[in-house]
Amino acid sequence: MGWSEVSVVSIRREFVRLANQAGANVRELCRRYRISPTTGYKWIDRGADQAETYQDRSRRPLHSPNRTDEAIEQRILQIRDEHPVWNARKIRHLLRRQLGADHHVPAASTVGQILKRHDRIREAASAAAHHWHRFEHAAPNELSQIDFKGYFQTGEGRCYPLTMLDDHSRYSQILKACTNERTETVKAHLIDAFRRFGLPKRMNMDNGNPWGNPTGDRYTKLTVWLIRLGVGISHSRPLHPQTNGKDERFHRTLKAEVLGNRWFSTMAEVQKAFDRWREIYNQERPHEALGLDVPASRYRASVHCYPEVLPPIDYASADVIRSVKPNGQVSFEGSHYFVGQAFAGEKVALRPTELDGVWEVLFCRERIATVNRRDPFSDNRMEADAAENAAS
């Protein structure tokens, strides 16, 4: 039952005037106006106030005993302002870690409502999320992913961010502002990282410079050096950046939380911002793929130290040892076979396989090529002929 839809305010005022007349039967009036006695008496009581407008009042309580403490609400807003793209779950997790178990921390949904109430949620943040099947290695240092993020302009020229991430923990091992993508630049930063964190078991990278080349040869001077250190090498499938997905995701986070539309005057200014954010990313920022733990909680340094002096390569006594020529070839039983110019000056081993006439070519413990003595037109022979023709 409710008021008739003529003019709610005028009907309420009329009802109260009639109900206040001497001898009025209030319950009968309620039946006629099709309202409950409770509603009728409510409007009679309110009508005693000469200023009553007979408008509906908000049902929101004047005092909310469950409302979030003002200090906590302000801290939530402060975290959001410091990290504008963090969602409610990340903010709540960091707040709980900062305040400790003795303080009540509101639910993520409440944090979201606080952010919305104070205009801290942008429409873009509510875009549909993608659900991926995540794979990670079982322990730190089993795999590191390395890549350059696309360059951006600074007041001193282009900046090429070099990043390296531990697959298991998502720990950022390298975040450097580089002026180029050259081998010597990457190698210097890798040496610094290896001295600090030790050597990973394997590294994954894409097929571009300086760890790949347009010819399709998967070995470069940089990857040969890594193999020499005992680090395994793998490359992403062409046109499949998700193979290096965790580092690609890191790049999106870096863009959202650091770069955005920000302008940097100098490379030193970029590196300062990178260093400050890398500390936050590793030590403070809750990571949803880690159950809202931080990467530092799951990372530990590798037990394999960086060797300042490379030890000699230890091949088996039965191996056939050959030096790689400047054109990337090795000579074997009167023929020339191409193994890659990146190995020029290095010693490789030829080792027979179980197949008669088929030999594998090893550099350290990595198989880099196969020689088929039974097929005079094997891939390696054709590559060698092409290299010889190009050299002549």
Protein backbone atom coordinates (compact mmCIF):
# COMPACT_ATOMS: atom_id res chain seq x y z
CA MET A 1 0.00 0.00 0.00
CA GLY A 2 1.17 3.52 -0.66
CA TRP A 3 0.15 7.06 -1.50
CA SER A 4 -1.84 7.66 -4.67
CA GLU A 5 0.24 9.15 -7.51
CA VAL A 6 -1.61 12.49 -7.79
CA SER A 7 0.53 14.86 -5.84
CA VAL A 8 2.25 13.04 -3.01
CA VAL A 9 3.14 16.19 -1.09
CA SER A 10 -0.37 17.70 -1.32
CA ILE A 11 -2.04 14.39 -0.36
CA ARG A 12 0.20 14.04 2.68
CA ARG A 13 -0.56 17.61 3.74
CA GLU A 14 -4.28 17.03 3.23
CA PHE A 15 -4.20 13.80 5.24
CA VAL A 16 -2.45 15.47 8.17
CA ARG A 17 -4.91 18.41 8.17
CA LEU A 18 -7.91 16.05 8.27
CA ALA A 19 -6.31 13.81 10.89
CA ASN A 20 -5.70 16.78 13.17
CA GLN A 21 -9.35 17.84 13.17
CA ALA A 22 -11.30 17.25 16.38
CA GLY A 23 -12.91 13.82 16.53
CA ALA A 24 -11.08 12.54 13.44
CA ASN A 25 -10.86 8.73 13.08
CA VAL A 26 -7.21 8.31 12.10
CA ARG A 27 -7.42 4.62 11.26
CA GLU A 28 -10.42 5.19 9.00
CA LEU A 29 -8.53 7.99 7.25
CA CYS A 30 -5.58 5.65 6.75
CA ARG A 31 -7.86 3.12 5.07
CA ARG A 32 -9.28 5.80 2.81
CA TYR A 33 -5.86 7.08 1.83
CA ARG A 34 -4.64 3.50 1.48
CA ILE A 35 -1.72 3.82 3.84
CA SER A 36 -0.79 1.92 6.98
CA PRO A 37 -1.49 3.40 10.43
CA THR A 38 2.27 3.47 11.03
CA THR A 39 2.77 5.69 7.98
CA GLY A 40 -0.21 7.81 8.91
CA TYR A 41 1.02 8.53 12.44
CA LYS A 42 4.49 9.22 11.10
CA TRP A 43 3.17 12.05 8.92
CA ILE A 44 0.97 13.35 11.71
CA ASP A 45 4.04 13.60 13.97
CA ARG A 46 6.10 15.28 11.27
CA GLY A 47 3.21 17.65 10.44
CA ALA A 48 3.48 19.16 13.93
CA ASP A 49 6.52 21.03 12.63
CA GLN A 50 5.37 24.17 10.80
CA ALA A 51 8.41 23.94 8.52
CA GLU A 52 7.59 20.42 7.35
CA THR A 53 7.70 20.09 3.54
CA TYR A 54 6.21 16.58 3.39
CA GLN A 55 9.09 15.51 1.13
CA ASP A 56 10.76 12.10 1.48
CA ARG A 57 13.86 12.16 3.66
CA SER A 58 17.05 10.21 3.08
CA ARG A 59 17.10 6.88 4.83
CA ARG A 60 20.82 7.16 5.39
CA PRO A 61 21.54 7.07 9.13
CA LEU A 62 22.90 10.20 10.73
CA HIS A 63 25.62 8.15 12.33
CA SER A 64 27.19 5.02 10.80
CA PRO A 65 28.94 2.89 13.43
CA ASN A 66 30.50 0.74 10.67
CA ARG A 67 31.95 3.61 8.68
CA THR A 68 35.68 3.37 8.04
CA ASP A 69 37.84 5.40 10.40
CA GLU A 70 38.71 8.78 8.90
CA ALA A 71 42.46 8.25 9.39
CA ILE A 72 42.36 4.92 7.53
CA GLU A 73 40.24 6.46 4.80
CA GLN A 74 42.80 9.22 4.34
CA ARG A 75 45.62 6.66 4.24
CA ILE A 76 43.75 4.76 1.51
CA LEU A 77 43.48 7.95 -0.52
CA GLN A 78 47.15 8.73 0.10
CA ILE A 79 48.24 5.30 -1.20
CA ARG A 80 46.04 5.76 -4.25
CA ASP A 81 47.54 9.19 -4.92
CA GLU A 82 51.06 7.76 -4.61
CA HIS A 83 50.16 4.84 -6.89
CA PRO A 84 47.35 6.07 -9.17
CA VAL A 85 46.88 2.79 -11.07
CA TRP A 86 46.81 0.43 -8.09
CA ASN A 87 43.46 -1.29 -7.60
CA ALA A 88 41.55 -1.75 -4.34
CA ARG A 89 43.05 -5.20 -3.63
CA LYS A 90 46.63 -3.91 -3.87
CA ILE A 91 45.85 -0.87 -1.71
CA ARG A 92 44.13 -2.99 0.95
CA HIS A 93 47.02 -5.47 1.05
CA LEU A 94 49.63 -2.74 1.46
CA LEU A 95 47.50 -1.02 4.13
CA ARG A 96 47.15 -4.26 6.07
CA ARG A 97 50.90 -4.81 5.89
CA GLN A 98 51.60 -1.26 7.11
CA LEU A 99 49.06 -1.21 9.96
CA GLY A 100 49.61 -4.74 11.25
CA ALA A 101 47.23 -7.29 12.70
CA ASP A 102 46.03 -5.01 15.52
CA HIS A 103 44.12 -2.71 13.18
CA HIS A 104 40.92 -3.43 11.30
CA VAL A 105 41.41 -2.97 7.56
CA PRO A 106 38.28 -2.59 5.42
CA ALA A 107 37.46 -5.10 2.72
CA ALA A 108 38.62 -4.51 -0.85
CA SER A 109 35.04 -3.67 -1.84
CA THR A 110 34.92 -0.97 0.86
CA VAL A 111 38.27 0.41 -0.32
CA GLY A 112 36.80 0.56 -3.82
CA GLN A 113 33.77 2.48 -2.55
CA ILE A 114 36.03 4.95 -0.73
CA LEU A 115 38.03 5.51 -3.92
CA LYS A 116 34.84 5.96 -5.93
CA ARG A 117 33.35 8.35 -3.37
CA HIS A 118 36.44 10.54 -3.52
CA ASP A 119 36.71 10.47 -7.33
CA ARG A 120 39.87 8.34 -7.39
CA ILE A 121 38.58 5.73 -9.85
CA ARG A 122 38.88 6.45 -13.53
CA GLU A 123 36.69 4.80 -16.13
CA ALA A 124 39.68 3.12 -17.81
CA ALA A 125 40.39 1.21 -14.63
CA SER A 126 37.13 -0.70 -14.95
CA ALA A 127 37.97 -2.20 -18.35
CA ALA A 128 37.43 -5.93 -18.65
CA ALA A 129 40.36 -7.91 -17.35
CA HIS A 130 42.04 -10.66 -19.37
CA HIS A 131 42.32 -14.06 -17.75
CA TRP A 132 45.53 -15.86 -18.67
CA HIS A 133 46.75 -19.32 -17.89
CA ARG A 134 49.87 -18.55 -15.91
CA PHE A 135 52.98 -20.71 -15.95
CA GLU A 136 55.98 -20.06 -13.78
CA HIS A 137 59.18 -21.89 -12.99
CA ALA A 138 59.33 -23.63 -9.65
CA ALA A 139 62.23 -21.69 -8.14
CA PRO A 140 64.08 -18.38 -8.48
CA ASN A 141 66.89 -18.16 -11.04
CA GLU A 142 65.63 -21.05 -13.15
CA LEU A 143 64.72 -18.53 -15.85
CA SER A 144 65.19 -14.80 -16.36
CA GLN A 145 63.35 -12.90 -19.08
CA ILE A 146 65.17 -9.98 -20.70
CA ASP A 147 64.08 -7.42 -23.27
CA PHE A 148 64.15 -3.78 -24.31
CA LYS A 149 60.95 -1.81 -23.90
CA GLY A 150 60.09 0.42 -26.82
CA TYR A 151 62.05 3.66 -26.76
CA PHE A 152 60.69 7.05 -25.75
CA GLN A 153 62.04 10.57 -26.18
CA THR A 154 63.78 12.60 -23.49
CA GLY A 155 65.40 16.01 -23.55
CA GLU A 156 68.71 14.26 -24.31
CA GLY A 157 67.43 11.90 -27.00
CA ARG A 158 65.93 8.44 -27.11
CA CYS A 159 65.76 6.23 -24.02
CA TYR A 160 65.70 2.44 -24.43
CA PRO A 161 64.64 0.84 -21.12
CA LEU A 162 66.47 -2.48 -20.56
CA THR A 163 64.58 -4.86 -18.27
CA MET A 164 65.26 -8.30 -16.83
CA LEU A 165 62.78 -10.19 -14.64
CA ASP A 166 63.01 -13.43 -12.66
CA ASP A 167 60.28 -15.76 -13.94
CA HIS A 168 59.38 -17.39 -10.60
CA SER A 169 59.24 -14.32 -8.37
CA ARG A 170 58.72 -11.48 -10.91
CA TYR A 171 61.66 -9.80 -9.18
CA SER A 172 63.06 -6.94 -11.27
CA GLN A 173 66.77 -7.65 -11.67
CA ILE A 174 67.54 -4.95 -14.24
CA LEU A 175 65.78 -1.68 -15.00
CA LYS A 176 68.18 0.62 -16.82
CA ALA A 177 67.77 3.71 -18.97
CA CYS A 178 69.98 3.07 -22.01
CA THR A 179 70.86 5.35 -24.90
CA ASN A 180 71.17 2.43 -27.34
CA GLU A 181 70.55 -1.30 -27.75
CA ARG A 182 74.14 -2.35 -28.41
CA THR A 183 75.81 -5.51 -27.21
CA GLU A 184 78.39 -3.70 -25.09
CA THR A 185 75.68 -1.70 -23.30
CA VAL A 186 73.63 -4.79 -22.44
CA LYS A 187 76.70 -6.80 -21.45
CA ALA A 188 77.85 -4.13 -18.98
CA HIS A 189 74.44 -4.10 -17.25
CA LEU A 190 74.30 -7.91 -17.22
CA ILE A 191 77.70 -8.10 -15.55
CA ASP A 192 76.49 -5.71 -12.81
CA ALA A 193 73.37 -7.81 -12.30
CA PHE A 194 75.26 -11.13 -12.33
CA ARG A 195 77.72 -9.83 -9.75
CA ARG A 196 74.83 -8.90 -7.48
CA PHE A 197 72.34 -11.72 -8.06
CA GLY A 198 74.46 -14.53 -9.49
CA LEU A 199 73.79 -16.43 -12.71
CA PRO A 200 70.36 -17.72 -13.79
CA LYS A 201 70.10 -21.23 -15.16
CA ARG A 202 68.54 -19.96 -18.38
CA MET A 203 67.54 -16.71 -20.06
CA ASN A 204 64.71 -16.12 -22.52
CA MET A 205 64.76 -13.29 -25.05
CA ASP A 206 63.16 -12.27 -28.32
CA ASN A 207 64.76 -12.48 -31.76
CA GLY A 208 65.88 -8.87 -32.15
CA ASN A 209 69.26 -7.25 -31.54
CA PRO A 210 71.46 -7.73 -29.62
CA TRP A 211 70.39 -11.32 -28.83
CA GLY A 212 69.10 -12.23 -32.28
CA ASN A 213 69.45 -11.03 -35.84
CA PRO A 214 67.37 -10.69 -39.02
CA THR A 215 69.09 -13.68 -40.69
CA GLY A 216 67.39 -16.04 -38.26
CA ASP A 217 70.66 -17.10 -36.62
CA ARG A 218 69.82 -17.55 -32.94
CA TYR A 219 73.38 -16.86 -31.81
CA THR A 220 75.04 -13.46 -31.42
CA LYS A 221 78.20 -12.34 -29.64
CA LEU A 222 76.07 -11.64 -26.57
CA THR A 223 74.38 -15.06 -26.47
CA VAL A 224 77.72 -16.80 -27.11
CA TRP A 225 79.13 -14.97 -24.08
CA LEU A 226 76.14 -16.07 -21.98
CA ILE A 227 76.61 -19.70 -23.03
CA ARG A 228 80.28 -19.37 -22.14
CA LEU A 229 79.15 -18.35 -18.64
CA GLY A 230 77.03 -21.49 -18.39
CA VAL A 231 73.68 -19.72 -18.92
CA GLY A 232 71.23 -21.55 -21.19
CA ILE A 233 69.61 -19.56 -24.01
CA SER A 234 66.07 -19.69 -25.39
CA HIS A 235 64.26 -17.37 -27.78
CA SER A 236 60.63 -16.40 -28.05
CA ARG A 237 58.72 -17.72 -31.02
CA PRO A 238 58.57 -15.09 -33.77
CA LEU A 239 55.45 -12.90 -33.50
CA HIS A 240 54.62 -14.46 -30.10
CA PRO A 241 55.67 -11.87 -27.47
CA GLN A 242 53.67 -13.78 -24.83
CA THR A 243 56.55 -16.29 -24.73
CA ASN A 244 58.34 -13.53 -22.82
CA GLY A 245 55.02 -12.61 -21.25
CA LYS A 246 56.06 -11.69 -17.73
CA ASP A 247 58.58 -9.13 -18.97
CA GLU A 248 56.02 -7.81 -21.47
CA ARG A 249 53.56 -7.41 -18.58
CA PHE A 250 56.28 -5.66 -16.58
CA HIS A 251 56.65 -3.19 -19.46
CA ARG A 252 52.93 -2.34 -19.34
CA THR A 253 53.13 -1.78 -15.60
CA LEU A 254 56.24 0.38 -16.05
CA LYS A 255 54.44 2.50 -18.63
CA ALA A 256 51.32 2.87 -16.47
CA GLU A 257 53.06 3.64 -13.17
CA VAL A 258 56.18 5.53 -14.25
CA LEU A 259 56.20 6.72 -17.83
CA GLY A 260 52.62 7.51 -18.84
CA ASN A 261 52.62 10.99 -20.34
CA ARG A 262 55.54 12.15 -18.21
CA TRP A 263 58.40 14.09 -19.77
CA PHE A 264 62.01 13.57 -18.69
CA SER A 265 64.66 16.18 -19.38
CA THR A 266 67.71 13.98 -18.87
CA MET A 267 68.66 10.31 -18.84
CA ALA A 268 69.80 10.74 -15.24
CA GLU A 269 66.29 11.88 -14.34
CA VAL A 270 64.86 8.76 -16.02
CA GLN A 271 67.24 6.47 -14.14
CA LYS A 272 66.39 8.13 -10.84
CA ALA A 273 62.69 7.48 -11.47
CA PHE A 274 63.48 3.90 -12.51
CA ASP A 275 65.51 3.23 -9.36
CA ARG A 276 62.82 4.65 -7.08
CA TRP A 277 60.03 2.66 -8.76
CA ARG A 278 62.03 -0.58 -8.96
CA GLU A 279 62.34 -0.49 -5.16
CA ILE A 280 58.58 -0.05 -4.84
CA TYR A 281 57.88 -2.81 -7.40
CA ASN A 282 60.16 -5.34 -5.70
CA GLN A 283 59.56 -4.49 -2.05
CA GLU A 284 56.14 -2.83 -1.64
CA ARG A 285 53.79 -3.33 -4.58
CA PRO A 286 51.46 -6.34 -4.01
CA HIS A 287 51.51 -8.64 -7.05
CA GLU A 288 48.22 -10.39 -7.79
CA ALA A 289 49.91 -13.30 -9.59
CA LEU A 290 51.84 -13.92 -6.35
CA GLY A 291 48.77 -13.96 -4.13
CA LEU A 292 49.40 -10.26 -3.34
CA ASP A 293 52.88 -11.00 -2.03
CA VAL A 294 55.74 -8.81 -3.19
CA PRO A 295 58.44 -10.17 -5.56
CA ALA A 296 61.14 -9.76 -2.89
CA SER A 297 59.32 -12.27 -0.68
CA ARG A 298 59.88 -15.03 -3.26
CA TYR A 299 63.30 -14.14 -4.63
CA ARG A 300 66.73 -15.22 -3.48
CA ALA A 301 70.15 -14.79 -5.09
CA SER A 302 71.54 -17.56 -7.26
CA VAL A 303 74.12 -19.95 -5.83
CA HIS A 304 76.04 -19.73 -9.13
CA CYS A 305 78.44 -16.80 -8.84
CA TYR A 306 79.60 -14.69 -11.76
CA PRO A 307 83.14 -15.79 -12.73
CA GLU A 308 85.44 -12.78 -13.11
CA VAL A 309 87.84 -15.05 -15.02
CA LEU A 310 86.24 -17.55 -17.37
CA PRO A 311 87.33 -21.15 -16.73
CA PRO A 312 88.55 -23.24 -19.69
CA ILE A 313 85.93 -25.14 -21.67
CA ASP A 314 85.97 -28.80 -20.70
CA TYR A 315 85.20 -31.07 -23.65
CA ALA A 316 85.24 -34.87 -23.58
CA SER A 317 88.49 -36.57 -24.59
CA ALA A 318 86.79 -38.33 -27.53
CA ASP A 319 85.43 -35.07 -28.98
CA VAL A 320 86.92 -33.60 -32.14
CA ILE A 321 87.92 -30.02 -31.31
CA ARG A 322 87.86 -27.32 -33.98
CA SER A 323 88.37 -23.55 -33.98
CA VAL A 324 85.67 -21.50 -35.67
CA LYS A 325 86.99 -19.37 -38.52
CA PRO A 326 86.13 -15.66 -38.93
CA ASN A 327 83.46 -16.59 -41.51
CA GLY A 328 81.72 -18.84 -38.96
CA GLN A 329 82.87 -22.15 -40.47
CA VAL A 330 84.66 -25.19 -39.14
CA SER A 331 86.64 -27.70 -41.18
CA PHE A 332 85.88 -31.36 -40.66
CA GLU A 333 87.04 -34.34 -42.69
CA GLY A 334 87.79 -32.26 -45.77
CA SER A 335 84.54 -30.24 -45.74
CA HIS A 336 83.49 -26.87 -44.35
CA TYR A 337 80.44 -26.43 -42.17
CA PHE A 338 78.81 -23.20 -41.06
CA VAL A 339 78.09 -22.95 -37.32
CA GLY A 340 77.66 -19.18 -36.96
CA GLN A 341 79.87 -16.10 -37.16
CA ALA A 342 79.11 -15.30 -33.52
CA PHE A 343 81.41 -18.23 -32.62
CA ALA A 344 84.39 -16.89 -34.59
CA GLY A 345 87.59 -17.51 -32.62
CA GLU A 346 85.91 -19.98 -30.23
CA LYS A 347 86.62 -23.69 -29.98
CA VAL A 348 83.77 -26.10 -30.61
CA ALA A 349 83.53 -29.88 -30.29
CA LEU A 350 82.15 -32.35 -32.81
CA ARG A 351 80.69 -35.43 -31.16
CA PRO A 352 79.24 -38.49 -32.96
CA THR A 353 75.59 -39.34 -32.38
CA GLU A 354 73.91 -42.73 -32.46
CA LEU A 355 73.14 -42.19 -36.15
CA ASP A 356 75.98 -43.22 -38.44
CA GLY A 357 77.64 -40.19 -40.04
CA VAL A 358 75.70 -37.64 -38.00
CA TRP A 359 77.69 -35.43 -35.62
CA GLU A 360 76.50 -32.77 -33.22
CA VAL A 361 78.47 -29.56 -32.80
CA LEU A 362 78.81 -28.37 -29.20
CA PHE A 363 79.89 -25.08 -27.71
CA CYS A 364 80.41 -25.63 -24.01
CA ARG A 365 77.35 -27.75 -23.17
CA GLU A 366 75.09 -26.22 -25.83
CA ARG A 367 74.42 -28.07 -29.07
CA ILE A 368 74.65 -25.38 -31.74
CA ALA A 369 74.56 -27.37 -35.01
CA THR A 370 74.42 -30.81 -36.57
CA VAL A 371 76.75 -32.19 -39.25
CA ASN A 372 75.39 -34.93 -41.51
CA ARG A 373 78.29 -36.62 -43.28
CA ARG A 374 75.94 -38.93 -45.18
CA ASP A 375 74.18 -36.04 -46.94
CA PRO A 376 76.48 -33.84 -49.02
CA PHE A 377 73.67 -31.28 -49.31
CA SER A 378 72.84 -31.00 -45.64
CA ASP A 379 71.76 -27.62 -44.30
CA ASN A 380 75.15 -26.99 -42.75
CA ARG A 381 77.01 -27.66 -46.01
CA MET A 382 74.68 -25.35 -47.97
CA GLU A 383 75.11 -22.61 -45.38
CA ALA A 384 78.87 -23.05 -45.58
CA ASP A 385 78.82 -22.77 -49.38
CA ALA A 386 76.73 -19.60 -49.18
CA ALA A 387 79.12 -18.11 -46.66
CA GLU A 388 82.11 -18.96 -48.85
CA ASN A 389 80.45 -17.39 -51.88
CA ALA A 390 79.64 -14.24 -49.94
CA ALA A 391 83.22 -14.06 -48.68
CA SER A 392 84.64 -14.37 -52.19
